[in-house]
Amino acid sequence: KTKIAHGSPTKEGKASSHGAPLGPDEV
């Protein structure tokens, strides 16, 4: 059981982190 983009402030567990850059603020 994992969380996609684990640790990302707003994109953890979201499909938006699957196939596109996280973006400077998210990184």
mmCIF file of all heavy atoms, coordinates in Angstrom:
data_MODEL
# 
_entry.id   MODEL 
# 
loop_
_atom_site.group_PDB 
_atom_site.id 
_atom_site.type_symbol 
_atom_site.label_atom_id 
_atom_site.label_alt_id 
_atom_site.label_comp_id 
_atom_site.label_asym_id 
_atom_site.label_entity_id 
_atom_site.label_seq_id 
_atom_site.pdbx_PDB_ins_code 
_atom_site.Cartn_x 
_atom_site.Cartn_y 
_atom_site.Cartn_z 
_atom_site.occupancy 
_atom_site.B_iso_or_equiv 
_atom_site.pdbx_formal_charge 
_atom_site.auth_seq_id 
_atom_site.auth_comp_id 
_atom_site.auth_asym_id 
_atom_site.auth_atom_id 
_atom_site.pdbx_PDB_model_num 
ATOM 1   N N   . LYS A 1 1  ? 0.853  -1.183 0.000   1.00 0.00 ? 1  LYS A N   1 
ATOM 2   C CA  . LYS A 1 1  ? 0.000  0.000  0.000   1.00 0.00 ? 1  LYS A CA  1 
ATOM 3   C C   . LYS A 1 1  ? 0.894  1.240  0.000   1.00 0.00 ? 1  LYS A C   1 
ATOM 4   O O   . LYS A 1 1  ? 1.654  1.476  0.944   1.00 0.00 ? 1  LYS A O   1 
ATOM 5   C CB  . LYS A 1 1  ? -0.907 0.005  1.232   1.00 0.00 ? 1  LYS A CB  1 
ATOM 6   C CG  . LYS A 1 1  ? -1.805 -1.221 1.354   1.00 0.00 ? 1  LYS A CG  1 
ATOM 7   C CD  . LYS A 1 1  ? -2.809 -1.303 0.210   1.00 0.00 ? 1  LYS A CD  1 
ATOM 8   C CE  . LYS A 1 1  ? -3.773 -2.464 0.396   1.00 0.00 ? 1  LYS A CE  1 
ATOM 9   N NZ  . LYS A 1 1  ? -4.741 -2.579 -0.716  1.00 0.00 ? 1  LYS A NZ  1 
ATOM 10  N N   . THR A 1 2  ? 0.837  1.986  -1.069  1.00 0.00 ? 2  THR A N   1 
ATOM 11  C CA  . THR A 1 2  ? 1.665  3.185  -1.195  1.00 0.00 ? 2  THR A CA  1 
ATOM 12  C C   . THR A 1 2  ? 0.796  4.382  -1.536  1.00 0.00 ? 2  THR A C   1 
ATOM 13  O O   . THR A 1 2  ? -0.370 4.240  -1.917  1.00 0.00 ? 2  THR A O   1 
ATOM 14  C CB  . THR A 1 2  ? 2.728  3.015  -2.297  1.00 0.00 ? 2  THR A CB  1 
ATOM 15  O OG1 . THR A 1 2  ? 2.061  2.901  -3.560  1.00 0.00 ? 2  THR A OG1 1 
ATOM 16  C CG2 . THR A 1 2  ? 3.596  1.792  -2.052  1.00 0.00 ? 2  THR A CG2 1 
ATOM 17  N N   . LYS A 1 3  ? 1.405  5.540  -1.422  1.00 0.00 ? 3  LYS A N   1 
ATOM 18  C CA  . LYS A 1 3  ? 0.745  6.778  -1.844  1.00 0.00 ? 3  LYS A CA  1 
ATOM 19  C C   . LYS A 1 3  ? 1.556  7.370  -2.984  1.00 0.00 ? 3  LYS A C   1 
ATOM 20  O O   . LYS A 1 3  ? 2.749  7.632  -2.828  1.00 0.00 ? 3  LYS A O   1 
ATOM 21  C CB  . LYS A 1 3  ? 0.654  7.768  -0.687  1.00 0.00 ? 3  LYS A CB  1 
ATOM 22  C CG  . LYS A 1 3  ? -0.242 7.295  0.454   1.00 0.00 ? 3  LYS A CG  1 
ATOM 23  C CD  . LYS A 1 3  ? -0.291 8.306  1.578   1.00 0.00 ? 3  LYS A CD  1 
ATOM 24  C CE  . LYS A 1 3  ? -1.185 7.834  2.720   1.00 0.00 ? 3  LYS A CE  1 
ATOM 25  N NZ  . LYS A 1 3  ? -1.205 8.808  3.856   1.00 0.00 ? 3  LYS A NZ  1 
ATOM 26  N N   . ILE A 1 4  ? 0.917  7.545  -4.113  1.00 0.00 ? 4  ILE A N   1 
ATOM 27  C CA  . ILE A 1 4  ? 1.595  8.153  -5.238  1.00 0.00 ? 4  ILE A CA  1 
ATOM 28  C C   . ILE A 1 4  ? 2.046  9.558  -4.846  1.00 0.00 ? 4  ILE A C   1 
ATOM 29  O O   . ILE A 1 4  ? 1.335  10.285 -4.145  1.00 0.00 ? 4  ILE A O   1 
ATOM 30  C CB  . ILE A 1 4  ? 0.674  8.176  -6.490  1.00 0.00 ? 4  ILE A CB  1 
ATOM 31  C CG1 . ILE A 1 4  ? 1.468  8.503  -7.748  1.00 0.00 ? 4  ILE A CG1 1 
ATOM 32  C CG2 . ILE A 1 4  ? -0.516 9.095  -6.305  1.00 0.00 ? 4  ILE A CG2 1 
ATOM 33  C CD1 . ILE A 1 4  ? 0.691  8.282  -9.035  1.00 0.00 ? 4  ILE A CD1 1 
ATOM 34  N N   . ALA A 1 5  ? 3.277  9.915  -5.223  1.00 0.00 ? 5  ALA A N   1 
ATOM 35  C CA  . ALA A 1 5  ? 3.863  11.220 -4.873  1.00 0.00 ? 5  ALA A CA  1 
ATOM 36  C C   . ALA A 1 5  ? 3.900  11.427 -3.359  1.00 0.00 ? 5  ALA A C   1 
ATOM 37  O O   . ALA A 1 5  ? 3.638  12.523 -2.853  1.00 0.00 ? 5  ALA A O   1 
ATOM 38  C CB  . ALA A 1 5  ? 3.117  12.367 -5.552  1.00 0.00 ? 5  ALA A CB  1 
ATOM 39  N N   . HIS A 1 6  ? 4.259  10.371 -2.634  1.00 0.00 ? 6  HIS A N   1 
ATOM 40  C CA  . HIS A 1 6  ? 4.269  10.409 -1.170  1.00 0.00 ? 6  HIS A CA  1 
ATOM 41  C C   . HIS A 1 6  ? 5.127  11.570 -0.662  1.00 0.00 ? 6  HIS A C   1 
ATOM 42  O O   . HIS A 1 6  ? 6.311  11.676 -0.982  1.00 0.00 ? 6  HIS A O   1 
ATOM 43  C CB  . HIS A 1 6  ? 4.812  9.084  -0.635  1.00 0.00 ? 6  HIS A CB  1 
ATOM 44  C CG  . HIS A 1 6  ? 4.799  8.967  0.841   1.00 0.00 ? 6  HIS A CG  1 
ATOM 45  N ND1 . HIS A 1 6  ? 5.923  8.654  1.579   1.00 0.00 ? 6  HIS A ND1 1 
ATOM 46  C CD2 . HIS A 1 6  ? 3.792  9.108  1.741   1.00 0.00 ? 6  HIS A CD2 1 
ATOM 47  C CE1 . HIS A 1 6  ? 5.614  8.599  2.861   1.00 0.00 ? 6  HIS A CE1 1 
ATOM 48  N NE2 . HIS A 1 6  ? 4.320  8.869  2.984   1.00 0.00 ? 6  HIS A NE2 1 
ATOM 49  N N   . GLY A 1 7  ? 4.547  12.444 0.133   1.00 0.00 ? 7  GLY A N   1 
ATOM 50  C CA  . GLY A 1 7  ? 5.260  13.591 0.685   1.00 0.00 ? 7  GLY A CA  1 
ATOM 51  C C   . GLY A 1 7  ? 5.014  14.882 -0.048  1.00 0.00 ? 7  GLY A C   1 
ATOM 52  O O   . GLY A 1 7  ? 5.367  15.970 0.437   1.00 0.00 ? 7  GLY A O   1 
ATOM 53  N N   . SER A 1 8  ? 4.411  14.797 -1.207  1.00 0.00 ? 8  SER A N   1 
ATOM 54  C CA  . SER A 1 8  ? 4.085  16.013 -1.954  1.00 0.00 ? 8  SER A CA  1 
ATOM 55  C C   . SER A 1 8  ? 2.943  16.744 -1.247  1.00 0.00 ? 8  SER A C   1 
ATOM 56  O O   . SER A 1 8  ? 1.956  16.121 -0.850  1.00 0.00 ? 8  SER A O   1 
ATOM 57  C CB  . SER A 1 8  ? 3.672  15.630 -3.378  1.00 0.00 ? 8  SER A CB  1 
ATOM 58  O OG  . SER A 1 8  ? 3.340  16.762 -4.135  1.00 0.00 ? 8  SER A OG  1 
ATOM 59  N N   . PRO A 1 9  ? 3.062  18.059 -1.057  1.00 0.00 ? 9  PRO A N   1 
ATOM 60  C CA  . PRO A 1 9  ? 2.109  18.763 -0.195  1.00 0.00 ? 9  PRO A CA  1 
ATOM 61  C C   . PRO A 1 9  ? 0.661  18.746 -0.663  1.00 0.00 ? 9  PRO A C   1 
ATOM 62  O O   . PRO A 1 9  ? -0.251 18.622 0.155   1.00 0.00 ? 9  PRO A O   1 
ATOM 63  C CB  . PRO A 1 9  ? 2.657  20.188 -0.138  1.00 0.00 ? 9  PRO A CB  1 
ATOM 64  C CG  . PRO A 1 9  ? 3.610  20.312 -1.260  1.00 0.00 ? 9  PRO A CG  1 
ATOM 65  C CD  . PRO A 1 9  ? 4.151  18.945 -1.504  1.00 0.00 ? 9  PRO A CD  1 
ATOM 66  N N   . THR A 1 10 ? 0.418  18.872 -1.977  1.00 0.00 ? 10 THR A N   1 
ATOM 67  C CA  . THR A 1 10 ? -0.980 18.913 -2.442  1.00 0.00 ? 10 THR A CA  1 
ATOM 68  C C   . THR A 1 10 ? -1.305 17.832 -3.468  1.00 0.00 ? 10 THR A C   1 
ATOM 69  O O   . THR A 1 10 ? -2.467 17.646 -3.808  1.00 0.00 ? 10 THR A O   1 
ATOM 70  C CB  . THR A 1 10 ? -1.319 20.284 -3.060  1.00 0.00 ? 10 THR A CB  1 
ATOM 71  O OG1 . THR A 1 10 ? -0.596 20.449 -4.288  1.00 0.00 ? 10 THR A OG1 1 
ATOM 72  C CG2 . THR A 1 10 ? -0.975 21.417 -2.107  1.00 0.00 ? 10 THR A CG2 1 
ATOM 73  N N   . LYS A 1 11 ? -0.285 17.106 -3.983  1.00 0.00 ? 11 LYS A N   1 
ATOM 74  C CA  . LYS A 1 11 ? -0.539 16.124 -5.037  1.00 0.00 ? 11 LYS A CA  1 
ATOM 75  C C   . LYS A 1 11 ? -0.351 14.687 -4.571  1.00 0.00 ? 11 LYS A C   1 
ATOM 76  O O   . LYS A 1 11 ? -0.517 13.759 -5.363  1.00 0.00 ? 11 LYS A O   1 
ATOM 77  C CB  . LYS A 1 11 ? 0.351  16.406 -6.250  1.00 0.00 ? 11 LYS A CB  1 
ATOM 78  C CG  . LYS A 1 11 ? 0.010  17.726 -6.941  1.00 0.00 ? 11 LYS A CG  1 
ATOM 79  C CD  . LYS A 1 11 ? 0.765  17.899 -8.251  1.00 0.00 ? 11 LYS A CD  1 
ATOM 80  C CE  . LYS A 1 11 ? 0.338  19.182 -8.951  1.00 0.00 ? 11 LYS A CE  1 
ATOM 81  N NZ  . LYS A 1 11 ? 1.018  19.372 -10.254 1.00 0.00 ? 11 LYS A NZ  1 
ATOM 82  N N   . GLU A 1 12 ? -0.021 14.494 -3.298  1.00 0.00 ? 12 GLU A N   1 
ATOM 83  C CA  . GLU A 1 12 ? 0.073  13.129 -2.782  1.00 0.00 ? 12 GLU A CA  1 
ATOM 84  C C   . GLU A 1 12 ? -1.272 12.433 -2.946  1.00 0.00 ? 12 GLU A C   1 
ATOM 85  O O   . GLU A 1 12 ? -2.321 12.980 -2.593  1.00 0.00 ? 12 GLU A O   1 
ATOM 86  C CB  . GLU A 1 12 ? 0.470  13.149 -1.304  1.00 0.00 ? 12 GLU A CB  1 
ATOM 87  C CG  . GLU A 1 12 ? 0.501  11.761 -0.666  1.00 0.00 ? 12 GLU A CG  1 
ATOM 88  C CD  . GLU A 1 12 ? 0.865  11.805 0.816   1.00 0.00 ? 12 GLU A CD  1 
ATOM 89  O OE1 . GLU A 1 12 ? 2.033  12.092 1.124   1.00 0.00 ? 12 GLU A OE1 1 
ATOM 90  O OE2 . GLU A 1 12 ? -0.045 11.587 1.644   1.00 0.00 ? 12 GLU A OE2 1 
ATOM 91  N N   . GLY A 1 13 ? -1.237 11.229 -3.506  1.00 0.00 ? 13 GLY A N   1 
ATOM 92  C CA  . GLY A 1 13 ? -2.453 10.440 -3.653  1.00 0.00 ? 13 GLY A CA  1 
ATOM 93  C C   . GLY A 1 13 ? -3.374 10.894 -4.762  1.00 0.00 ? 13 GLY A C   1 
ATOM 94  O O   . GLY A 1 13 ? -4.503 10.413 -4.852  1.00 0.00 ? 13 GLY A O   1 
ATOM 95  N N   . LYS A 1 14 ? -2.882 11.769 -5.634  1.00 0.00 ? 14 LYS A N   1 
ATOM 96  C CA  . LYS A 1 14 ? -3.739 12.304 -6.687  1.00 0.00 ? 14 LYS A CA  1 
ATOM 97  C C   . LYS A 1 14 ? -3.207 11.938 -8.070  1.00 0.00 ? 14 LYS A C   1 
ATOM 98  O O   . LYS A 1 14 ? -1.998 11.869 -8.295  1.00 0.00 ? 14 LYS A O   1 
ATOM 99  C CB  . LYS A 1 14 ? -3.855 13.819 -6.556  1.00 0.00 ? 14 LYS A CB  1 
ATOM 100 C CG  . LYS A 1 14 ? -4.567 14.255 -5.282  1.00 0.00 ? 14 LYS A CG  1 
ATOM 101 C CD  . LYS A 1 14 ? -4.715 15.770 -5.217  1.00 0.00 ? 14 LYS A CD  1 
ATOM 102 C CE  . LYS A 1 14 ? -5.453 16.198 -3.947  1.00 0.00 ? 14 LYS A CE  1 
ATOM 103 N NZ  . LYS A 1 14 ? -5.552 17.678 -3.851  1.00 0.00 ? 14 LYS A NZ  1 
ATOM 104 N N   . ALA A 1 15 ? -4.133 11.756 -9.017  1.00 0.00 ? 15 ALA A N   1 
ATOM 105 C CA  . ALA A 1 15 ? -3.763 11.379 -10.373 1.00 0.00 ? 15 ALA A CA  1 
ATOM 106 C C   . ALA A 1 15 ? -2.943 12.457 -11.068 1.00 0.00 ? 15 ALA A C   1 
ATOM 107 O O   . ALA A 1 15 ? -2.207 12.169 -12.011 1.00 0.00 ? 15 ALA A O   1 
ATOM 108 C CB  . ALA A 1 15 ? -5.024 11.079 -11.189 1.00 0.00 ? 15 ALA A CB  1 
ATOM 109 N N   . SER A 1 16 ? -3.042 13.685 -10.606 1.00 0.00 ? 16 SER A N   1 
ATOM 110 C CA  . SER A 1 16 ? -2.300 14.785 -11.231 1.00 0.00 ? 16 SER A CA  1 
ATOM 111 C C   . SER A 1 16 ? -0.794 14.606 -11.103 1.00 0.00 ? 16 SER A C   1 
ATOM 112 O O   . SER A 1 16 ? -0.022 15.244 -11.829 1.00 0.00 ? 16 SER A O   1 
ATOM 113 C CB  . SER A 1 16 ? -2.712 16.125 -10.616 1.00 0.00 ? 16 SER A CB  1 
ATOM 114 O OG  . SER A 1 16 ? -2.502 16.120 -9.211  1.00 0.00 ? 16 SER A OG  1 
ATOM 115 N N   . SER A 1 17 ? -0.347 13.734 -10.184 1.00 0.00 ? 17 SER A N   1 
ATOM 116 C CA  . SER A 1 17 ? 1.090  13.487 -10.021 1.00 0.00 ? 17 SER A CA  1 
ATOM 117 C C   . SER A 1 17 ? 1.583  12.331 -10.870 1.00 0.00 ? 17 SER A C   1 
ATOM 118 O O   . SER A 1 17 ? 2.778  12.038 -10.886 1.00 0.00 ? 17 SER A O   1 
ATOM 119 C CB  . SER A 1 17 ? 1.415  13.196 -8.552  1.00 0.00 ? 17 SER A CB  1 
ATOM 120 O OG  . SER A 1 17 ? 0.900  11.921 -8.170  1.00 0.00 ? 17 SER A OG  1 
ATOM 121 N N   . HIS A 1 18 ? 0.677  11.687 -11.596 1.00 0.00 ? 18 HIS A N   1 
ATOM 122 C CA  . HIS A 1 18 ? 1.067  10.477 -12.320 1.00 0.00 ? 18 HIS A CA  1 
ATOM 123 C C   . HIS A 1 18 ? 1.965  10.789 -13.511 1.00 0.00 ? 18 HIS A C   1 
ATOM 124 O O   . HIS A 1 18 ? 3.073  10.251 -13.612 1.00 0.00 ? 18 HIS A O   1 
ATOM 125 C CB  . HIS A 1 18 ? -0.171 9.714  -12.800 1.00 0.00 ? 18 HIS A CB  1 
ATOM 126 C CG  . HIS A 1 18 ? 0.151  8.589  -13.742 1.00 0.00 ? 18 HIS A CG  1 
ATOM 127 N ND1 . HIS A 1 18 ? 0.553  7.351  -13.315 1.00 0.00 ? 18 HIS A ND1 1 
ATOM 128 C CD2 . HIS A 1 18 ? 0.155  8.537  -15.101 1.00 0.00 ? 18 HIS A CD2 1 
ATOM 129 C CE1 . HIS A 1 18 ? 0.788  6.579  -14.363 1.00 0.00 ? 18 HIS A CE1 1 
ATOM 130 N NE2 . HIS A 1 18 ? 0.550  7.273  -15.467 1.00 0.00 ? 18 HIS A NE2 1 
ATOM 131 N N   . GLY A 1 19 ? 1.501  11.607 -14.431 1.00 0.00 ? 19 GLY A N   1 
ATOM 132 C CA  . GLY A 1 19 ? 2.180  11.720 -15.707 1.00 0.00 ? 19 GLY A CA  1 
ATOM 133 C C   . GLY A 1 19 ? 2.580  13.114 -16.116 1.00 0.00 ? 19 GLY A C   1 
ATOM 134 O O   . GLY A 1 19 ? 2.691  13.401 -17.311 1.00 0.00 ? 19 GLY A O   1 
ATOM 135 N N   . ALA A 1 20 ? 2.816  13.993 -15.164 1.00 0.00 ? 20 ALA A N   1 
ATOM 136 C CA  . ALA A 1 20 ? 3.229  15.358 -15.480 1.00 0.00 ? 20 ALA A CA  1 
ATOM 137 C C   . ALA A 1 20 ? 4.127  15.875 -14.369 1.00 0.00 ? 20 ALA A C   1 
ATOM 138 O O   . ALA A 1 20 ? 4.037  15.419 -13.220 1.00 0.00 ? 20 ALA A O   1 
ATOM 139 C CB  . ALA A 1 20 ? 1.994  16.263 -15.633 1.00 0.00 ? 20 ALA A CB  1 
ATOM 140 N N   . PRO A 1 21 ? 5.027  16.806 -14.683 1.00 0.00 ? 21 PRO A N   1 
ATOM 141 C CA  . PRO A 1 21 ? 5.872  17.394 -13.634 1.00 0.00 ? 21 PRO A CA  1 
ATOM 142 C C   . PRO A 1 21 ? 5.033  17.938 -12.486 1.00 0.00 ? 21 PRO A C   1 
ATOM 143 O O   . PRO A 1 21 ? 3.910  18.430 -12.693 1.00 0.00 ? 21 PRO A O   1 
ATOM 144 C CB  . PRO A 1 21 ? 6.617  18.506 -14.370 1.00 0.00 ? 21 PRO A CB  1 
ATOM 145 C CG  . PRO A 1 21 ? 6.586  18.117 -15.809 1.00 0.00 ? 21 PRO A CG  1 
ATOM 146 C CD  . PRO A 1 21 ? 5.287  17.405 -16.016 1.00 0.00 ? 21 PRO A CD  1 
ATOM 147 N N   . LEU A 1 22 ? 5.588  17.849 -11.290 1.00 0.00 ? 22 LEU A N   1 
ATOM 148 C CA  . LEU A 1 22 ? 4.846  18.348 -10.120 1.00 0.00 ? 22 LEU A CA  1 
ATOM 149 C C   . LEU A 1 22 ? 4.709  19.859 -10.141 1.00 0.00 ? 22 LEU A C   1 
ATOM 150 O O   . LEU A 1 22 ? 3.743  20.415 -9.611  1.00 0.00 ? 22 LEU A O   1 
ATOM 151 C CB  . LEU A 1 22 ? 5.553  17.917 -8.834  1.00 0.00 ? 22 LEU A CB  1 
ATOM 152 C CG  . LEU A 1 22 ? 5.624  16.418 -8.540  1.00 0.00 ? 22 LEU A CG  1 
ATOM 153 C CD1 . LEU A 1 22 ? 6.388  16.171 -7.239  1.00 0.00 ? 22 LEU A CD1 1 
ATOM 154 C CD2 . LEU A 1 22 ? 4.238  15.800 -8.475  1.00 0.00 ? 22 LEU A CD2 1 
ATOM 155 N N   . GLY A 1 23 ? 5.679  20.538 -10.745 1.00 0.00 ? 23 GLY A N   1 
ATOM 156 C CA  . GLY A 1 23 ? 5.696  22.002 -10.722 1.00 0.00 ? 23 GLY A CA  1 
ATOM 157 C C   . GLY A 1 23 ? 6.646  22.508 -9.648  1.00 0.00 ? 23 GLY A C   1 
ATOM 158 O O   . GLY A 1 23 ? 6.854  21.840 -8.619  1.00 0.00 ? 23 GLY A O   1 
ATOM 159 N N   . PRO A 1 24 ? 7.261  23.685 -9.846  1.00 0.00 ? 24 PRO A N   1 
ATOM 160 C CA  . PRO A 1 24 ? 8.289  24.197 -8.919  1.00 0.00 ? 24 PRO A CA  1 
ATOM 161 C C   . PRO A 1 24 ? 7.823  24.291 -7.472  1.00 0.00 ? 24 PRO A C   1 
ATOM 162 O O   . PRO A 1 24 ? 8.556  23.913 -6.554  1.00 0.00 ? 24 PRO A O   1 
ATOM 163 C CB  . PRO A 1 24 ? 8.628  25.574 -9.491  1.00 0.00 ? 24 PRO A CB  1 
ATOM 164 C CG  . PRO A 1 24 ? 8.250  25.487 -10.937 1.00 0.00 ? 24 PRO A CG  1 
ATOM 165 C CD  . PRO A 1 24 ? 7.067  24.583 -11.001 1.00 0.00 ? 24 PRO A CD  1 
ATOM 166 N N   . ASP A 1 25 ? 6.621  24.805 -7.259  1.00 0.00 ? 25 ASP A N   1 
ATOM 167 C CA  . ASP A 1 25 ? 6.148  24.980 -5.879  1.00 0.00 ? 25 ASP A CA  1 
ATOM 168 C C   . ASP A 1 25 ? 5.936  23.636 -5.192  1.00 0.00 ? 25 ASP A C   1 
ATOM 169 O O   . ASP A 1 25 ? 6.265  23.473 -4.009  1.00 0.00 ? 25 ASP A O   1 
ATOM 170 C CB  . ASP A 1 25 ? 4.842  25.783 -5.868  1.00 0.00 ? 25 ASP A CB  1 
ATOM 171 C CG  . ASP A 1 25 ? 5.051  27.229 -6.270  1.00 0.00 ? 25 ASP A CG  1 
ATOM 172 O OD1 . ASP A 1 25 ? 6.202  27.711 -6.201  1.00 0.00 ? 25 ASP A OD1 1 
ATOM 173 O OD2 . ASP A 1 25 ? 4.063  27.875 -6.670  1.00 0.00 ? 25 ASP A OD2 1 
ATOM 174 N N   . GLU A 1 26 ? 5.412  22.664 -5.950  1.00 0.00 ? 26 GLU A N   1 
ATOM 175 C CA  . GLU A 1 26 ? 5.154  21.347 -5.374  1.00 0.00 ? 26 GLU A CA  1 
ATOM 176 C C   . GLU A 1 26 ? 6.474  20.624 -5.079  1.00 0.00 ? 26 GLU A C   1 
ATOM 177 O O   . GLU A 1 26 ? 6.612  19.956 -4.050  1.00 0.00 ? 26 GLU A O   1 
ATOM 178 C CB  . GLU A 1 26 ? 4.295  20.512 -6.324  1.00 0.00 ? 26 GLU A CB  1 
ATOM 179 C CG  . GLU A 1 26 ? 3.611  19.328 -5.676  1.00 0.00 ? 26 GLU A CG  1 
ATOM 180 C CD  . GLU A 1 26 ? 2.449  19.719 -4.766  1.00 0.00 ? 26 GLU A CD  1 
ATOM 181 O OE1 . GLU A 1 26 ? 1.989  20.893 -4.845  1.00 0.00 ? 26 GLU A OE1 1 
ATOM 182 O OE2 . GLU A 1 26 ? 2.001  18.869 -3.973  1.00 0.00 ? 26 GLU A OE2 1 
ATOM 183 N N   . VAL A 1 27 ? 7.442  20.775 -5.974  1.00 0.00 ? 27 VAL A N   1 
ATOM 184 C CA  . VAL A 1 27 ? 8.753  20.175 -5.746  1.00 0.00 ? 27 VAL A CA  1 
ATOM 185 C C   . VAL A 1 27 ? 9.389  20.777 -4.502  1.00 0.00 ? 27 VAL A C   1 
ATOM 186 O O   . VAL A 1 27 ? 9.962  20.062 -3.657  1.00 0.00 ? 27 VAL A O   1 
ATOM 187 C CB  . VAL A 1 27 ? 9.665  20.371 -6.977  1.00 0.00 ? 27 VAL A CB  1 
ATOM 188 C CG1 . VAL A 1 27 ? 11.106 19.992 -6.645  1.00 0.00 ? 27 VAL A CG1 1 
ATOM 189 C CG2 . VAL A 1 27 ? 9.162  19.542 -8.151  1.00 0.00 ? 27 VAL A CG2 1 
# 
